[in-house]
């Protein structure tokens, strides 16, 4: 009986992982359409990811940006 309870608890919130991935995918699509970037946290700190795939630290500007 306990095996079934732990099994059902593992699946109870399985939708959260799928929802989070879909949210991130949607953010990438929106950034591409609006020619902006998305910001997310990595083990090295915050980064910006541009639609062309360029990833830079949050406090830096990519090559070619005019200040």
PDB file of N, CA and C in Angstrom:
ATOM      1  N   UNK A   1       0.820  -1.199   0.000  1.00  0.00           N
ATOM      2  CA  UNK A   1       0.000   0.000   0.000  1.00  0.00           C
ATOM      3  C   UNK A   1       0.862   1.260   0.000  1.00  0.00           C
ATOM      4  N   UNK A   2       1.937   1.273   0.770  1.00  0.00           N
ATOM      5  CA  UNK A   2       2.796   2.454   0.829  1.00  0.00           C
ATOM      6  C   UNK A   2       3.468   2.717  -0.512  1.00  0.00           C
ATOM      7  N   UNK A   3       3.775   1.659  -1.259  1.00  0.00           N
ATOM      8  CA  UNK A   3       4.387   1.839  -2.576  1.00  0.00           C
ATOM      9  C   UNK A   3       3.457   2.626  -3.492  1.00  0.00           C
ATOM     10  N   UNK A   4       2.209   2.324  -3.463  1.00  0.00           N
ATOM     11  CA  UNK A   4       1.234   3.026  -4.302  1.00  0.00           C
ATOM     12  C   UNK A   4       1.127   4.493  -3.908  1.00  0.00           C
ATOM     13  N   UNK A   5       1.158   4.789  -2.592  1.00  0.00           N
ATOM     14  CA  UNK A   5       1.055   6.163  -2.129  1.00  0.00           C
ATOM     15  C   UNK A   5       2.250   6.989  -2.607  1.00  0.00           C
ATOM     16  N   UNK A   6       3.452   6.451  -2.483  1.00  0.00           N
ATOM     17  CA  UNK A   6       4.637   7.203  -2.914  1.00  0.00           C
ATOM     18  C   UNK A   6       4.649   7.349  -4.430  1.00  0.00           C
ATOM     19  N   UNK A   7       4.155   6.351  -5.142  1.00  0.00           N
ATOM     20  CA  UNK A   7       4.088   6.413  -6.596  1.00  0.00           C
ATOM     21  C   UNK A   7       3.130   7.514  -7.039  1.00  0.00           C
ATOM     22  N   UNK A   8       1.973   7.615  -6.396  1.00  0.00           N
ATOM     23  CA  UNK A   8       1.005   8.632  -6.778  1.00  0.00           C
ATOM     24  C   UNK A   8       1.501  10.029  -6.388  1.00  0.00           C
ATOM     25  N   UNK A   9       2.246  10.159  -5.298  1.00  0.00           N
ATOM     26  CA  UNK A   9       2.790  11.447  -4.908  1.00  0.00           C
ATOM     27  C   UNK A   9       3.835  11.915  -5.915  1.00  0.00           C
ATOM     28  N   UNK A  10       4.605  11.003  -6.465  1.00  0.00           N
ATOM     29  CA  UNK A  10       5.604  11.363  -7.455  1.00  0.00           C
ATOM     30  C   UNK A  10       4.974  11.918  -8.715  1.00  0.00           C
ATOM     31  N   UNK A  11       3.826  11.446  -9.069  1.00  0.00           N
ATOM     32  CA  UNK A  11       3.139  11.906 -10.281  1.00  0.00           C
ATOM     33  C   UNK A  11       2.199  13.074 -10.030  1.00  0.00           C
ATOM     34  N   UNK A  12       1.929  13.374  -8.772  1.00  0.00           N
ATOM     35  CA  UNK A  12       0.946  14.406  -8.445  1.00  0.00           C
ATOM     36  C   UNK A  12       1.316  15.763  -9.050  1.00  0.00           C
ATOM     37  N   UNK A  13       2.584  16.113  -9.009  1.00  0.00           N
ATOM     38  CA  UNK A  13       3.015  17.407  -9.518  1.00  0.00           C
ATOM     39  C   UNK A  13       3.935  17.272 -10.719  1.00  0.00           C
ATOM     40  N   UNK A  14       3.813  16.213 -11.455  1.00  0.00           N
ATOM     41  CA  UNK A  14       4.643  16.002 -12.639  1.00  0.00           C
ATOM     42  C   UNK A  14       4.380  17.057 -13.695  1.00  0.00           C
ATOM     43  N   UNK A  15       3.202  17.639 -13.706  1.00  0.00           N
ATOM     44  CA  UNK A  15       2.862  18.668 -14.690  1.00  0.00           C
ATOM     45  C   UNK A  15       3.686  19.930 -14.523  1.00  0.00           C
ATOM     46  N   UNK A  16       4.227  20.171 -13.320  1.00  0.00           N
ATOM     47  CA  UNK A  16       4.972  21.403 -13.065  1.00  0.00           C
ATOM     48  C   UNK A  16       6.228  21.472 -13.935  1.00  0.00           C
ATOM     49  N   UNK A  17       6.960  20.376 -14.048  1.00  0.00           N
ATOM     50  CA  UNK A  17       8.161  20.352 -14.875  1.00  0.00           C
ATOM     51  C   UNK A  17       7.843  20.628 -16.334  1.00  0.00           C
ATOM     52  N   UNK A  18       6.777  20.033 -16.809  1.00  0.00           N
ATOM     53  CA  UNK A  18       6.361  20.241 -18.200  1.00  0.00           C
ATOM     54  C   UNK A  18       5.926  21.683 -18.421  1.00  0.00           C
ATOM     55  N   UNK A  19       5.190  22.240 -17.477  1.00  0.00           N
ATOM     56  CA  UNK A  19       4.724  23.612 -17.564  1.00  0.00           C
ATOM     57  C   UNK A  19       5.897  24.589 -17.569  1.00  0.00           C
ATOM     58  N   UNK A  20       6.894  24.347 -16.713  1.00  0.00           N
ATOM     59  CA  UNK A  20       8.069  25.223 -16.647  1.00  0.00           C
ATOM     60  C   UNK A  20       8.831  25.205 -17.967  1.00  0.00           C
ATOM     61  N   UNK A  21       8.996  24.043 -18.567  1.00  0.00           N
ATOM     62  CA  UNK A  21       9.695  23.941 -19.843  1.00  0.00           C
ATOM     63  C   UNK A  21       8.919  24.676 -20.933  1.00  0.00           C
ATOM     64  N   UNK A  22       7.611  24.515 -20.958  1.00  0.00           N
ATOM     65  CA  UNK A  22       6.795  25.199 -21.964  1.00  0.00           C
ATOM     66  C   UNK A  22       6.863  26.717 -21.785  1.00  0.00           C
ATOM     67  N   UNK A  23       6.931  27.180 -20.541  1.00  0.00           N
ATOM     68  CA  UNK A  23       7.042  28.609 -20.271  1.00  0.00           C
ATOM     69  C   UNK A  23       8.361  29.149 -20.802  1.00  0.00           C
ATOM     70  N   UNK A  24       9.453  28.417 -20.585  1.00  0.00           N
ATOM     71  CA  UNK A  24      10.756  28.825 -21.093  1.00  0.00           C
ATOM     72  C   UNK A  24      10.794  28.841 -22.608  1.00  0.00           C
ATOM     73  N   UNK A  25      10.187  27.839 -23.226  1.00  0.00           N
ATOM     74  CA  UNK A  25      10.127  27.794 -24.692  1.00  0.00           C
ATOM     75  C   UNK A  25       9.340  28.986 -25.231  1.00  0.00           C
ATOM     76  N   UNK A  26       8.252  29.326 -24.566  1.00  0.00           N
ATOM     77  CA  UNK A  26       7.436  30.460 -24.990  1.00  0.00           C
ATOM     78  C   UNK A  26       8.227  31.770 -24.861  1.00  0.00           C
ATOM     79  N   UNK A  27       9.014  31.897 -23.801  1.00  0.00           N
ATOM     80  CA  UNK A  27       9.828  33.101 -23.609  1.00  0.00           C
ATOM     81  C   UNK A  27      10.840  33.245 -24.738  1.00  0.00           C
ATOM     82  N   UNK A  28      11.439  32.132 -25.171  1.00  0.00           N
ATOM     83  CA  UNK A  28      12.399  32.178 -26.278  1.00  0.00           C
ATOM     84  C   UNK A  28      11.709  32.611 -27.576  1.00  0.00           C
ATOM     85  N   UNK A  29      10.514  32.118 -27.809  1.00  0.00           N
ATOM     86  CA  UNK A  29       9.765  32.494 -29.018  1.00  0.00           C
ATOM     87  C   UNK A  29       9.436  33.983 -28.977  1.00  0.00           C
ATOM     88  N   UNK A  30       8.960  34.470 -27.844  1.00  0.00           N
ATOM     89  CA  UNK A  30       8.626  35.892 -27.706  1.00  0.00           C
ATOM     90  C   UNK A  30       9.862  36.766 -27.899  1.00  0.00           C
ATOM     91  N   UNK A  31      10.997  36.335 -27.353  1.00  0.00           N
ATOM     92  CA  UNK A  31      12.234  37.106 -27.498  1.00  0.00           C
ATOM     93  C   UNK A  31      12.657  37.178 -28.963  1.00  0.00           C
ATOM     94  N   UNK A  32      12.482  36.093 -29.688  1.00  0.00           N
ATOM     95  CA  UNK A  32      12.855  36.082 -31.103  1.00  0.00           C
ATOM     96  C   UNK A  32      11.949  37.009 -31.907  1.00  0.00           C
ATOM     97  N   UNK A  33      10.655  36.946 -31.659  1.00  0.00           N
ATOM     98  CA  UNK A  33       9.692  37.775 -32.382  1.00  0.00           C
ATOM     99  C   UNK A  33       9.939  39.258 -32.107  1.00  0.00           C
ATOM    100  N   UNK A  34      10.254  39.607 -30.866  1.00  0.00           N
ATOM    101  CA  UNK A  34      10.429  41.004 -30.472  1.00  0.00           C
ATOM    102  C   UNK A  34      11.889  41.460 -30.516  1.00  0.00           C
ATOM    103  N   UNK A  35      12.783  40.594 -30.985  1.00  0.00           N
ATOM    104  CA  UNK A  35      14.215  40.878 -31.072  1.00  0.00           C
ATOM    105  C   UNK A  35      14.770  41.390 -29.739  1.00  0.00           C
ATOM    106  N   UNK A  36      14.457  40.657 -28.673  1.00  0.00           N
ATOM    107  CA  UNK A  36      14.960  40.970 -27.342  1.00  0.00           C
ATOM    108  C   UNK A  36      15.705  39.755 -26.823  1.00  0.00           C
ATOM    109  N   UNK A  37      15.950  39.687 -25.551  1.00  0.00           N
ATOM    110  CA  UNK A  37      16.661  38.570 -24.953  1.00  0.00           C
ATOM    111  C   UNK A  37      15.871  38.033 -23.768  1.00  0.00           C
ATOM    112  N   UNK A  38      16.249  36.839 -23.302  1.00  0.00           N
ATOM    113  CA  UNK A  38      15.682  36.301 -22.071  1.00  0.00           C
ATOM    114  C   UNK A  38      16.798  36.261 -21.035  1.00  0.00           C
ATOM    115  N   UNK A  39      16.437  36.336 -19.789  1.00  0.00           N
ATOM    116  CA  UNK A  39      17.396  36.293 -18.691  1.00  0.00           C
ATOM    117  C   UNK A  39      17.076  35.074 -17.851  1.00  0.00           C
ATOM    118  N   UNK A  40      18.120  34.323 -17.512  1.00  0.00           N
ATOM    119  CA  UNK A  40      17.923  33.200 -16.611  1.00  0.00           C
ATOM    120  C   UNK A  40      19.163  32.985 -15.773  1.00  0.00           C
ATOM    121  N   UNK A  41      19.022  32.213 -14.718  1.00  0.00           N
ATOM    122  CA  UNK A  41      20.082  31.979 -13.754  1.00  0.00           C
ATOM    123  C   UNK A  41      20.818  30.689 -14.089  1.00  0.00           C
ATOM    124  N   UNK A  42      22.136  30.751 -14.063  1.00  0.00           N
ATOM    125  CA  UNK A  42      22.970  29.558 -14.221  1.00  0.00           C
ATOM    126  C   UNK A  42      23.834  29.433 -12.974  1.00  0.00           C
ATOM    127  N   UNK A  43      24.652  28.407 -12.934  1.00  0.00           N
ATOM    128  CA  UNK A  43      25.534  28.246 -11.777  1.00  0.00           C
ATOM    129  C   UNK A  43      26.575  29.367 -11.708  1.00  0.00           C
ATOM    130  N   UNK A  44      26.800  30.069 -12.809  1.00  0.00           N
ATOM    131  CA  UNK A  44      27.761  31.181 -12.847  1.00  0.00           C
ATOM    132  C   UNK A  44      27.095  32.537 -12.700  1.00  0.00           C
ATOM    133  N   UNK A  45      25.807  32.583 -12.440  1.00  0.00           N
ATOM    134  CA  UNK A  45      25.084  33.839 -12.271  1.00  0.00           C
ATOM    135  C   UNK A  45      24.076  34.066 -13.383  1.00  0.00           C
ATOM    136  N   UNK A  46      23.514  35.267 -13.407  1.00  0.00           N
ATOM    137  CA  UNK A  46      22.510  35.612 -14.407  1.00  0.00           C
ATOM    138  C   UNK A  46      23.141  35.791 -15.778  1.00  0.00           C
ATOM    139  N   UNK A  47      22.439  35.334 -16.809  1.00  0.00           N
ATOM    140  CA  UNK A  47      22.896  35.488 -18.189  1.00  0.00           C
ATOM    141  C   UNK A  47      21.745  35.969 -19.061  1.00  0.00           C
ATOM    142  N   UNK A  48      22.115  36.598 -20.168  1.00  0.00           N
ATOM    143  CA  UNK A  48      21.153  36.992 -21.201  1.00  0.00           C
ATOM    144  C   UNK A  48      21.364  36.067 -22.379  1.00  0.00           C
ATOM    145  N   UNK A  49      20.285  35.577 -22.966  1.00  0.00           N
ATOM    146  CA  UNK A  49      20.373  34.770 -24.184  1.00  0.00           C
ATOM    147  C   UNK A  49      19.606  35.494 -25.280  1.00  0.00           C
ATOM    148  N   UNK A  50      20.314  35.821 -26.354  1.00  0.00           N
ATOM    149  CA  UNK A  50      19.734  36.538 -27.478  1.00  0.00           C
ATOM    150  C   UNK A  50      19.153  35.544 -28.477  1.00  0.00           C
ATOM    151  N   UNK A  51      18.260  35.988 -29.354  1.00  0.00           N
ATOM    152  CA  UNK A  51      17.618  35.094 -30.322  1.00  0.00           C
ATOM    153  C   UNK A  51      18.602  34.364 -31.241  1.00  0.00           C
ATOM    154  N   UNK A  52      19.786  34.937 -31.472  1.00  0.00           N
ATOM    155  CA  UNK A  52      20.767  34.284 -32.336  1.00  0.00           C
ATOM    156  C   UNK A  52      21.586  33.221 -31.600  1.00  0.00           C
ATOM    157  N   UNK A  53      21.298  33.026 -30.315  1.00  0.00           N
ATOM    158  CA  UNK A  53      21.995  32.003 -29.539  1.00  0.00           C
ATOM    159  C   UNK A  53      23.138  32.535 -28.700  1.00  0.00           C
ATOM    160  N   UNK A  54      23.469  33.818 -28.836  1.00  0.00           N
ATOM    161  CA  UNK A  54      24.538  34.421 -28.054  1.00  0.00           C
ATOM    162  C   UNK A  54      24.131  34.476 -26.585  1.00  0.00           C
ATOM    163  N   UNK A  55      25.031  34.028 -25.710  1.00  0.00           N
ATOM    164  CA  UNK A  55      24.783  34.056 -24.276  1.00  0.00           C
ATOM    165  C   UNK A  55      25.892  34.875 -23.632  1.00  0.00           C
ATOM    166  N   UNK A  56      25.521  35.919 -22.890  1.00  0.00           N
ATOM    167  CA  UNK A  56      26.492  36.766 -22.198  1.00  0.00           C
ATOM    168  C   UNK A  56      26.047  36.958 -20.757  1.00  0.00           C
ATOM    169  N   UNK A  57      27.020  37.291 -19.900  1.00  0.00           N
ATOM    170  CA  UNK A  57      26.673  37.583 -18.514  1.00  0.00           C
ATOM    171  C   UNK A  57      25.730  38.781 -18.488  1.00  0.00           C
ATOM    172  N   UNK A  58      24.876  38.832 -17.508  1.00  0.00           N
ATOM    173  CA  UNK A  58      23.842  39.859 -17.431  1.00  0.00           C
ATOM    174  C   UNK A  58      24.424  41.268 -17.397  1.00  0.00           C
ATOM    175  N   UNK A  59      25.565  41.453 -16.760  1.00  0.00           N
ATOM    176  CA  UNK A  59      26.129  42.793 -16.622  1.00  0.00           C
ATOM    177  C   UNK A  59      27.048  43.192 -17.783  1.00  0.00           C
ATOM    178  N   UNK A  60      27.116  42.393 -18.850  1.00  0.00           N
ATOM    179  CA  UNK A  60      27.928  42.704 -20.018  1.00  0.00           C
ATOM    180  C   UNK A  60      27.040  42.981 -21.218  1.00  0.00           C
ATOM    181  N   UNK A  61      27.607  43.623 -22.223  1.00  0.00           N
ATOM    182  CA  UNK A  61      26.909  43.843 -23.477  1.00  0.00           C
ATOM    183  C   UNK A  61      27.568  42.946 -24.530  1.00  0.00           C
ATOM    184  N   UNK A  62      26.785  42.370 -25.436  1.00  0.00           N
ATOM    185  CA  UNK A  62      27.382  41.554 -26.493  1.00  0.00           C
ATOM    186  C   UNK A  62      28.142  42.435 -27.480  1.00  0.00           C
ATOM    187  N   UNK A  63      29.043  41.845 -28.243  1.00  0.00           N
ATOM    188  CA  UNK A  63      29.798  42.590 -29.256  1.00  0.00           C
ATOM    189  C   UNK A  63      28.843  43.246 -30.225  1.00  0.00           C
ATOM    190  N   UNK A  64      29.124  44.509 -30.557  1.00  0.00           N
ATOM    191  CA  UNK A  64      28.304  45.199 -31.541  1.00  0.00           C
ATOM    192  C   UNK A  64      27.224  46.068 -30.942  1.00  0.00           C
ATOM    193  N   UNK A  65      26.948  45.952 -29.645  1.00  0.00           N
ATOM    194  CA  UNK A  65      25.938  46.810 -29.022  1.00  0.00           C
ATOM    195  C   UNK A  65      26.497  48.216 -28.854  1.00  0.00           C
ATOM    196  N   UNK A  66      25.682  49.194 -29.141  1.00  0.00           N
ATOM    197  CA  UNK A  66      26.073  50.592 -28.957  1.00  0.00           C
ATOM    198  C   UNK A  66      25.507  51.078 -27.645  1.00  0.00           C
ATOM    199  N   UNK A  67      26.360  51.685 -26.842  1.00  0.00           N
ATOM    200  CA  UNK A  67      25.926  52.132 -25.530  1.00  0.00           C
ATOM    201  C   UNK A  67      25.267  53.458 -25.557  1.00  0.00           C
TER     202      UNK A  67
END
